Amino acid sequence: MTIPNPEQRAPIATPFAPPPASSSASTSASSSEPPPARTGTAGLLVAVTVGTLVSVGLGVYGRAHEAAFFAVSIAGFSSGTAAKAWLATGAFVLVLVQLGSAMVMYGRFPGVRAPSWIGGLHRWSGRAAVLLTVPVAVHCLYALGFQDGSPRVLLHSLFGCFFYGAFVAKMLVLNRPGSPRWSLPVLGGALFTALVALWLTSSLWFFTTSGLTF
C-alpha cells in the first residue's frame, strides 16, 4: 500500500481563482488574425493598384475622348492659358509649403521643433494645392485630351495622369494606419515630383515664351 504524496494532490479550486487559459483557444485566435505588417502591406498594394487604375483611366479617357478645344476665360487674366499657368504656379508654391512642413514634422531640420500648427499647415496646403489643379486638369483633359505632339507635351500628359493616381493612392493609405511607415513619404514624394514636373512643362514654359503676363 502506497501513501500518496501531498505535493502530488490535485489543486483545490477556489471561487476567485481565474480559469486556466486554453492554449488551443489562444492559438486559434492568434492564428485567425493576420499580422499587422501583412495587412498593412496588403492595404498599400490595394491603394497603389487603385491609383494605377485611376492614372490609366485618365490617360485612356484623354486619348479616346475627342478634344473640344474650348477656352476658359477667367476675370483678371488675359487668356485661359495664362489663368492655367498662374493656377498651376499657385499649386506649385503650396506644394513647396507641403515639402517644408513635412520635413519639419519628420525632423529633417536639426534643432527645429515642429510647432503644434505644422500638421494643419501641411494638410491644408496640400488640399489647396490639389484644389487649384482641378480646373486646370478638367480643361486639359476635356478640351485638349492626351497629347503627344512634342516631348514636353507628352511628359506633361503623362505626369498629369500620374499625379492624380498618386493622389488617390496617398489618400487611401492615409485611412489605413497599419500601412508601412515609408509609404506616406514615398507617395508624398511622388506627388511632389509629379506637380513640379507639371509646372516645369506648362507654367514655366508659358512664362519663358510669353513673359510674366496675367
C-alpha atoms as a PDB file:
ATOM      1  CA  MET A   1       0.000   0.000   0.000  1.00  0.00           C
ATOM      2  CA  THR A   2       1.434   3.315  -1.097  1.00  0.00           C
ATOM      3  CA  ILE A   3       0.741   6.572   0.642  1.00  0.00           C
ATOM      4  CA  PRO A   4       0.037   9.426  -1.797  1.00  0.00           C
ATOM      5  CA  ASN A   5       2.467  12.289  -1.723  1.00  0.00           C
ATOM      6  CA  PRO A   6       0.727  15.504  -0.518  1.00  0.00           C
ATOM      7  CA  GLU A   7       2.593  17.508  -3.124  1.00  0.00           C
ATOM      8  CA  GLN A   8       1.035  15.433  -5.906  1.00  0.00           C
ATOM      9  CA  ARG A   9      -2.560  16.117  -4.871  1.00  0.00           C
ATOM     10  CA  ALA A  10      -4.834  17.924  -7.334  1.00  0.00           C
ATOM     11  CA  PRO A  11      -5.074  21.643  -6.610  1.00  0.00           C
ATOM     12  CA  ILE A  12      -8.234  22.793  -4.897  1.00  0.00           C
ATOM     13  CA  ALA A  13     -10.269  25.214  -6.988  1.00  0.00           C
ATOM     14  CA  THR A  14     -11.224  28.448  -5.293  1.00  0.00           C
ATOM     15  CA  PRO A  15     -14.099  30.696  -6.352  1.00  0.00           C
ATOM     16  CA  PHE A  16     -11.722  33.600  -7.034  1.00  0.00           C
ATOM     17  CA  ALA A  17      -9.125  31.659  -8.988  1.00  0.00           C
ATOM     18  CA  PRO A  18      -9.091  32.509 -12.714  1.00  0.00           C
ATOM     19  CA  PRO A  19      -9.847  29.646 -15.058  1.00  0.00           C
ATOM     20  CA  PRO A  20      -6.814  28.131 -16.755  1.00  0.00           C
ATOM     21  CA  ALA A  21      -6.058  29.632 -20.117  1.00  0.00           C
ATOM     22  CA  SER A  22      -6.830  27.375 -23.001  1.00  0.00           C
ATOM     23  CA  SER A  23      -3.727  27.110 -25.150  1.00  0.00           C
ATOM     24  CA  SER A  24      -5.696  25.789 -28.091  1.00  0.00           C
ATOM     25  CA  ALA A  25      -8.167  28.694 -27.950  1.00  0.00           C
ATOM     26  CA  SER A  26      -5.430  31.304 -27.764  1.00  0.00           C
ATOM     27  CA  THR A  27      -3.532  29.614 -30.545  1.00  0.00           C
ATOM     28  CA  SER A  28      -6.582  29.526 -32.795  1.00  0.00           C
ATOM     29  CA  ALA A  29      -7.422  33.156 -32.011  1.00  0.00           C
ATOM     30  CA  SER A  30      -3.919  34.345 -32.781  1.00  0.00           C
ATOM     31  CA  SER A  31      -3.733  32.296 -35.938  1.00  0.00           C
ATOM     32  CA  SER A  32      -7.052  33.672 -37.189  1.00  0.00           C
ATOM     33  CA  GLU A  33      -5.820  37.285 -37.007  1.00  0.00           C
ATOM     34  CA  PRO A  34      -3.272  38.246 -39.706  1.00  0.00           C
ATOM     35  CA  PRO A  35      -0.175  40.134 -38.565  1.00  0.00           C
ATOM     36  CA  PRO A  36      -0.446  43.940 -38.738  1.00  0.00           C
ATOM     37  CA  ALA A  37       2.508  44.154 -41.121  1.00  0.00           C
ATOM     38  CA  ARG A  38       0.812  41.780 -43.563  1.00  0.00           C
ATOM     39  CA  THR A  39      -2.497  43.663 -43.507  1.00  0.00           C
ATOM     40  CA  GLY A  40      -0.682  46.996 -43.883  1.00  0.00           C
ATOM     41  CA  THR A  41       1.222  45.764 -46.914  1.00  0.00           C
ATOM     42  CA  ALA A  42      -1.963  44.398 -48.446  1.00  0.00           C
ATOM     43  CA  GLY A  43      -3.681  47.751 -47.940  1.00  0.00           C
ATOM     44  CA  LEU A  44      -0.753  49.533 -49.565  1.00  0.00           C
ATOM     45  CA  LEU A  45      -0.918  47.225 -52.574  1.00  0.00           C
ATOM     46  CA  VAL A  46      -4.658  47.891 -52.896  1.00  0.00           C
ATOM     47  CA  ALA A  47      -4.076  51.648 -52.718  1.00  0.00           C
ATOM     48  CA  VAL A  48      -1.333  51.538 -55.349  1.00  0.00           C
ATOM     49  CA  THR A  49      -3.486  49.354 -57.586  1.00  0.00           C
ATOM     50  CA  VAL A  50      -6.439  51.743 -57.355  1.00  0.00           C
ATOM     51  CA  GLY A  51      -4.156  54.718 -58.004  1.00  0.00           C
ATOM     52  CA  THR A  52      -2.691  52.990 -61.042  1.00  0.00           C
ATOM     53  CA  LEU A  53      -6.161  52.305 -62.404  1.00  0.00           C
ATOM     54  CA  VAL A  54      -7.047  55.985 -61.934  1.00  0.00           C
ATOM     55  CA  SER A  55      -3.946  57.095 -63.829  1.00  0.00           C
ATOM     56  CA  VAL A  56      -4.531  54.646 -66.663  1.00  0.00           C
ATOM     57  CA  GLY A  57      -8.229  55.512 -66.796  1.00  0.00           C
ATOM     58  CA  LEU A  58      -7.493  59.219 -67.136  1.00  0.00           C
ATOM     59  CA  GLY A  59      -4.993  58.542 -69.883  1.00  0.00           C
ATOM     60  CA  VAL A  60      -7.367  56.274 -71.781  1.00  0.00           C
ATOM     61  CA  TYR A  61     -10.198  58.784 -71.490  1.00  0.00           C
ATOM     62  CA  GLY A  62      -7.993  61.660 -72.611  1.00  0.00           C
ATOM     63  CA  ARG A  63      -6.794  59.642 -75.581  1.00  0.00           C
ATOM     64  CA  ALA A  64     -10.193  58.299 -76.647  1.00  0.00           C
ATOM     65  CA  HIS A  65     -12.111  61.496 -75.951  1.00  0.00           C
ATOM     66  CA  GLU A  66     -12.489  63.878 -78.861  1.00  0.00           C
ATOM     67  CA  ALA A  67     -10.903  67.160 -77.831  1.00  0.00           C
ATOM     68  CA  ALA A  68     -13.383  70.029 -77.580  1.00  0.00           C
ATOM     69  CA  PHE A  69     -10.730  72.758 -77.983  1.00  0.00           C
ATOM     70  CA  PHE A  70     -12.618  75.365 -75.975  1.00  0.00           C
ATOM     71  CA  ALA A  71     -11.022  78.134 -73.931  1.00  0.00           C
ATOM     72  CA  VAL A  72     -11.899  79.189 -70.406  1.00  0.00           C
ATOM     73  CA  SER A  73     -11.934  82.911 -69.649  1.00  0.00           C
ATOM     74  CA  ILE A  74     -11.348  83.939 -66.037  1.00  0.00           C
ATOM     75  CA  ALA A  75     -11.742  87.535 -64.915  1.00  0.00           C
ATOM     76  CA  GLY A  76      -8.375  89.212 -64.389  1.00  0.00           C
ATOM     77  CA  PHE A  77      -6.476  87.064 -66.881  1.00  0.00           C
ATOM     78  CA  SER A  78      -5.747  87.826 -70.499  1.00  0.00           C
ATOM     79  CA  SER A  79      -6.376  84.250 -71.654  1.00  0.00           C
ATOM     80  CA  GLY A  80      -7.304  80.824 -70.424  1.00  0.00           C
ATOM     81  CA  THR A  81      -3.715  79.661 -70.860  1.00  0.00           C
ATOM     82  CA  ALA A  82      -2.476  82.459 -68.611  1.00  0.00           C
ATOM     83  CA  ALA A  83      -5.067  81.559 -65.984  1.00  0.00           C
ATOM     84  CA  LYS A  84      -3.977  77.916 -66.058  1.00  0.00           C
ATOM     85  CA  ALA A  85      -0.316  78.922 -65.782  1.00  0.00           C
ATOM     86  CA  TRP A  86      -0.947  81.021 -62.674  1.00  0.00           C
ATOM     87  CA  LEU A  87      -3.228  78.441 -61.055  1.00  0.00           C
ATOM     88  CA  ALA A  88      -0.534  75.817 -61.549  1.00  0.00           C
ATOM     89  CA  THR A  89       2.027  78.239 -60.115  1.00  0.00           C
ATOM     90  CA  GLY A  90      -0.123  78.680 -57.022  1.00  0.00           C
ATOM     91  CA  ALA A  91      -0.280  74.913 -56.632  1.00  0.00           C
ATOM     92  CA  PHE A  92       3.497  74.740 -57.111  1.00  0.00           C
ATOM     93  CA  VAL A  93       4.080  77.249 -54.299  1.00  0.00           C
ATOM     94  CA  LEU A  94       1.720  75.364 -51.996  1.00  0.00           C
ATOM     95  CA  VAL A  95       3.454  72.064 -52.691  1.00  0.00           C
ATOM     96  CA  LEU A  96       6.722  73.696 -51.654  1.00  0.00           C
ATOM     97  CA  VAL A  97       4.992  74.566 -48.376  1.00  0.00           C
ATOM     98  CA  GLN A  98       3.960  70.918 -48.154  1.00  0.00           C
ATOM     99  CA  LEU A  99       7.546  69.793 -48.608  1.00  0.00           C
ATOM    100  CA  GLY A 100       8.890  72.184 -45.982  1.00  0.00           C
ATOM    101  CA  SER A 101       6.219  71.327 -43.429  1.00  0.00           C
ATOM    102  CA  ALA A 102       6.740  67.596 -43.976  1.00  0.00           C
ATOM    103  CA  MET A 103      10.477  67.963 -43.413  1.00  0.00           C
ATOM    104  CA  VAL A 104       9.799  69.843 -40.176  1.00  0.00           C
ATOM    105  CA  MET A 105       7.384  67.143 -38.982  1.00  0.00           C
ATOM    106  CA  TYR A 106       9.874  64.378 -39.774  1.00  0.00           C
ATOM    107  CA  GLY A 107      12.694  66.228 -38.017  1.00  0.00           C
ATOM    108  CA  ARG A 108      14.828  66.851 -41.094  1.00  0.00           C
ATOM    109  CA  PHE A 109      15.906  70.277 -39.852  1.00  0.00           C
ATOM    110  CA  PRO A 110      18.329  69.882 -36.930  1.00  0.00           C
ATOM    111  CA  GLY A 111      17.383  71.973 -33.929  1.00  0.00           C
ATOM    112  CA  VAL A 112      13.922  72.837 -35.260  1.00  0.00           C
ATOM    113  CA  ARG A 113      10.996  71.567 -33.210  1.00  0.00           C
ATOM    114  CA  ALA A 114       7.698  71.020 -35.000  1.00  0.00           C
ATOM    115  CA  PRO A 115       5.125  73.555 -33.736  1.00  0.00           C
ATOM    116  CA  SER A 116       1.603  72.454 -32.936  1.00  0.00           C
ATOM    117  CA  TRP A 117       0.156  74.078 -36.051  1.00  0.00           C
ATOM    118  CA  ILE A 118       2.550  72.472 -38.554  1.00  0.00           C
ATOM    119  CA  GLY A 119       0.246  69.492 -39.123  1.00  0.00           C
ATOM    120  CA  GLY A 120      -2.677  71.729 -40.045  1.00  0.00           C
ATOM    121  CA  LEU A 121      -0.478  73.770 -42.362  1.00  0.00           C
ATOM    122  CA  HIS A 122       0.681  70.582 -44.068  1.00  0.00           C
ATOM    123  CA  ARG A 123      -2.844  69.256 -44.570  1.00  0.00           C
ATOM    124  CA  TRP A 124      -4.472  72.474 -45.744  1.00  0.00           C
ATOM    125  CA  SER A 125      -1.652  73.459 -48.083  1.00  0.00           C
ATOM    126  CA  GLY A 126      -1.994  70.064 -49.739  1.00  0.00           C
ATOM    127  CA  ARG A 127      -5.750  70.388 -50.055  1.00  0.00           C
ATOM    128  CA  ALA A 128      -5.463  73.867 -51.526  1.00  0.00           C
ATOM    129  CA  ALA A 129      -2.777  72.729 -53.974  1.00  0.00           C
ATOM    130  CA  VAL A 130      -4.929  69.885 -55.309  1.00  0.00           C
ATOM    131  CA  LEU A 131      -7.959  72.197 -55.451  1.00  0.00           C
ATOM    132  CA  LEU A 132      -6.061  74.668 -57.639  1.00  0.00           C
ATOM    133  CA  THR A 133      -5.125  71.897 -60.062  1.00  0.00           C
ATOM    134  CA  VAL A 134      -8.712  70.721 -60.607  1.00  0.00           C
ATOM    135  CA  PRO A 135      -9.870  73.424 -63.089  1.00  0.00           C
ATOM    136  CA  VAL A 136      -6.550  73.112 -64.912  1.00  0.00           C
ATOM    137  CA  ALA A 137      -6.887  69.339 -65.184  1.00  0.00           C
ATOM    138  CA  VAL A 138     -10.525  69.496 -66.292  1.00  0.00           C
ATOM    139  CA  HIS A 139      -9.670  71.909 -69.091  1.00  0.00           C
ATOM    140  CA  CYS A 140      -6.597  69.937 -70.187  1.00  0.00           C
ATOM    141  CA  LEU A 141      -8.414  66.616 -70.132  1.00  0.00           C
ATOM    142  CA  TYR A 142     -11.689  67.670 -71.730  1.00  0.00           C
ATOM    143  CA  ALA A 143     -10.628  70.479 -74.045  1.00  0.00           C
ATOM    144  CA  LEU A 144      -7.255  69.124 -75.156  1.00  0.00           C
ATOM    145  CA  GLY A 145      -7.114  65.446 -74.252  1.00  0.00           C
ATOM    146  CA  PHE A 146      -3.990  63.321 -74.008  1.00  0.00           C
ATOM    147  CA  GLN A 147      -1.496  64.957 -76.359  1.00  0.00           C
ATOM    148  CA  ASP A 148       1.906  63.735 -77.537  1.00  0.00           C
ATOM    149  CA  GLY A 149       2.852  66.258 -80.211  1.00  0.00           C
ATOM    150  CA  SER A 150       6.213  67.015 -78.611  1.00  0.00           C
ATOM    151  CA  PRO A 151       8.338  65.568 -75.791  1.00  0.00           C
ATOM    152  CA  ARG A 152       7.259  68.414 -73.484  1.00  0.00           C
ATOM    153  CA  VAL A 153       3.574  67.861 -74.197  1.00  0.00           C
ATOM    154  CA  LEU A 154       3.910  64.094 -73.822  1.00  0.00           C
ATOM    155  CA  LEU A 155       5.657  64.428 -70.458  1.00  0.00           C
ATOM    156  CA  HIS A 156       3.003  66.884 -69.328  1.00  0.00           C
ATOM    157  CA  SER A 157       0.220  64.457 -70.230  1.00  0.00           C
ATOM    158  CA  LEU A 158       1.947  61.530 -68.510  1.00  0.00           C
ATOM    159  CA  PHE A 159       2.692  63.424 -65.310  1.00  0.00           C
ATOM    160  CA  GLY A 160      -0.852  64.812 -65.241  1.00  0.00           C
ATOM    161  CA  CYS A 161      -2.325  61.316 -65.206  1.00  0.00           C
ATOM    162  CA  PHE A 162       0.303  60.094 -62.743  1.00  0.00           C
ATOM    163  CA  PHE A 163      -0.362  62.982 -60.332  1.00  0.00           C
ATOM    164  CA  TYR A 164      -3.996  62.096 -59.699  1.00  0.00           C
ATOM    165  CA  GLY A 165      -3.254  58.396 -59.435  1.00  0.00           C
ATOM    166  CA  ALA A 166      -0.617  59.109 -56.783  1.00  0.00           C
ATOM    167  CA  PHE A 167      -3.038  61.431 -55.001  1.00  0.00           C
ATOM    168  CA  VAL A 168      -5.721  58.731 -54.806  1.00  0.00           C
ATOM    169  CA  ALA A 169      -3.182  56.178 -53.560  1.00  0.00           C
ATOM    170  CA  LYS A 170      -1.957  58.525 -50.841  1.00  0.00           C
ATOM    171  CA  MET A 171      -5.480  59.319 -49.650  1.00  0.00           C
ATOM    172  CA  LEU A 172      -6.243  55.602 -49.377  1.00  0.00           C
ATOM    173  CA  VAL A 173      -3.050  54.947 -47.413  1.00  0.00           C
ATOM    174  CA  LEU A 174      -3.887  57.787 -45.012  1.00  0.00           C
ATOM    175  CA  ASN A 175      -7.039  55.893 -43.998  1.00  0.00           C
ATOM    176  CA  ARG A 176      -5.059  52.760 -43.127  1.00  0.00           C
ATOM    177  CA  PRO A 177      -2.944  53.346 -40.002  1.00  0.00           C
ATOM    178  CA  GLY A 178      -1.285  49.940 -40.352  1.00  0.00           C
ATOM    179  CA  SER A 179       0.474  50.841 -43.607  1.00  0.00           C
ATOM    180  CA  PRO A 180       4.294  50.808 -43.694  1.00  0.00           C
ATOM    181  CA  ARG A 181       5.848  53.970 -42.304  1.00  0.00           C
ATOM    182  CA  TRP A 182       7.750  54.640 -45.530  1.00  0.00           C
ATOM    183  CA  SER A 183       4.613  54.563 -47.697  1.00  0.00           C
ATOM    184  CA  LEU A 184       3.407  58.098 -46.939  1.00  0.00           C
ATOM    185  CA  PRO A 185       6.793  59.786 -47.551  1.00  0.00           C
ATOM    186  CA  VAL A 186       7.209  57.846 -50.801  1.00  0.00           C
ATOM    187  CA  LEU A 187       3.734  58.694 -52.074  1.00  0.00           C
ATOM    188  CA  GLY A 188       4.127  62.291 -50.948  1.00  0.00           C
ATOM    189  CA  GLY A 189       7.428  62.488 -52.799  1.00  0.00           C
ATOM    190  CA  ALA A 190       5.756  61.071 -55.898  1.00  0.00           C
ATOM    191  CA  LEU A 191       3.057  63.754 -55.679  1.00  0.00           C
ATOM    192  CA  PHE A 192       5.668  66.479 -55.245  1.00  0.00           C
ATOM    193  CA  THR A 193       7.715  65.227 -58.191  1.00  0.00           C
ATOM    194  CA  ALA A 194       4.665  64.996 -60.452  1.00  0.00           C
ATOM    195  CA  LEU A 195       3.463  68.501 -59.631  1.00  0.00           C
ATOM    196  CA  VAL A 196       6.916  70.008 -60.116  1.00  0.00           C
ATOM    197  CA  ALA A 197       7.166  68.260 -63.497  1.00  0.00           C
ATOM    198  CA  LEU A 198       3.714  69.567 -64.439  1.00  0.00           C
ATOM    199  CA  TRP A 199       4.735  73.110 -63.542  1.00  0.00           C
ATOM    200  CA  LEU A 200       8.008  72.864 -65.470  1.00  0.00           C
ATOM    201  CA  THR A 201       6.288  71.556 -68.606  1.00  0.00           C
ATOM    202  CA  SER A 202       3.429  74.075 -68.547  1.00  0.00           C
ATOM    203  CA  SER A 203       3.701  77.231 -66.450  1.00  0.00           C
ATOM    204  CA  LEU A 204       7.452  77.706 -66.737  1.00  0.00           C
ATOM    205  CA  TRP A 205       7.255  77.081 -70.480  1.00  0.00           C
ATOM    206  CA  PHE A 206       4.447  79.660 -70.775  1.00  0.00           C
ATOM    207  CA  PHE A 207       6.330  82.285 -68.759  1.00  0.00           C
ATOM    208  CA  THR A 208       9.532  81.804 -70.757  1.00  0.00           C
ATOM    209  CA  THR A 209       7.729  82.106 -74.083  1.00  0.00           C
ATOM    210  CA  SER A 210       5.074  84.730 -73.252  1.00  0.00           C
ATOM    211  CA  GLY A 211       6.536  86.528 -70.267  1.00  0.00           C
ATOM    212  CA  LEU A 212       5.006  87.060 -66.833  1.00  0.00           C
ATOM    213  CA  THR A 213       1.622  88.054 -68.187  1.00  0.00           C
ATOM    214  CA  PHE A 214      -1.733  87.727 -66.478  1.00  0.00           C
END
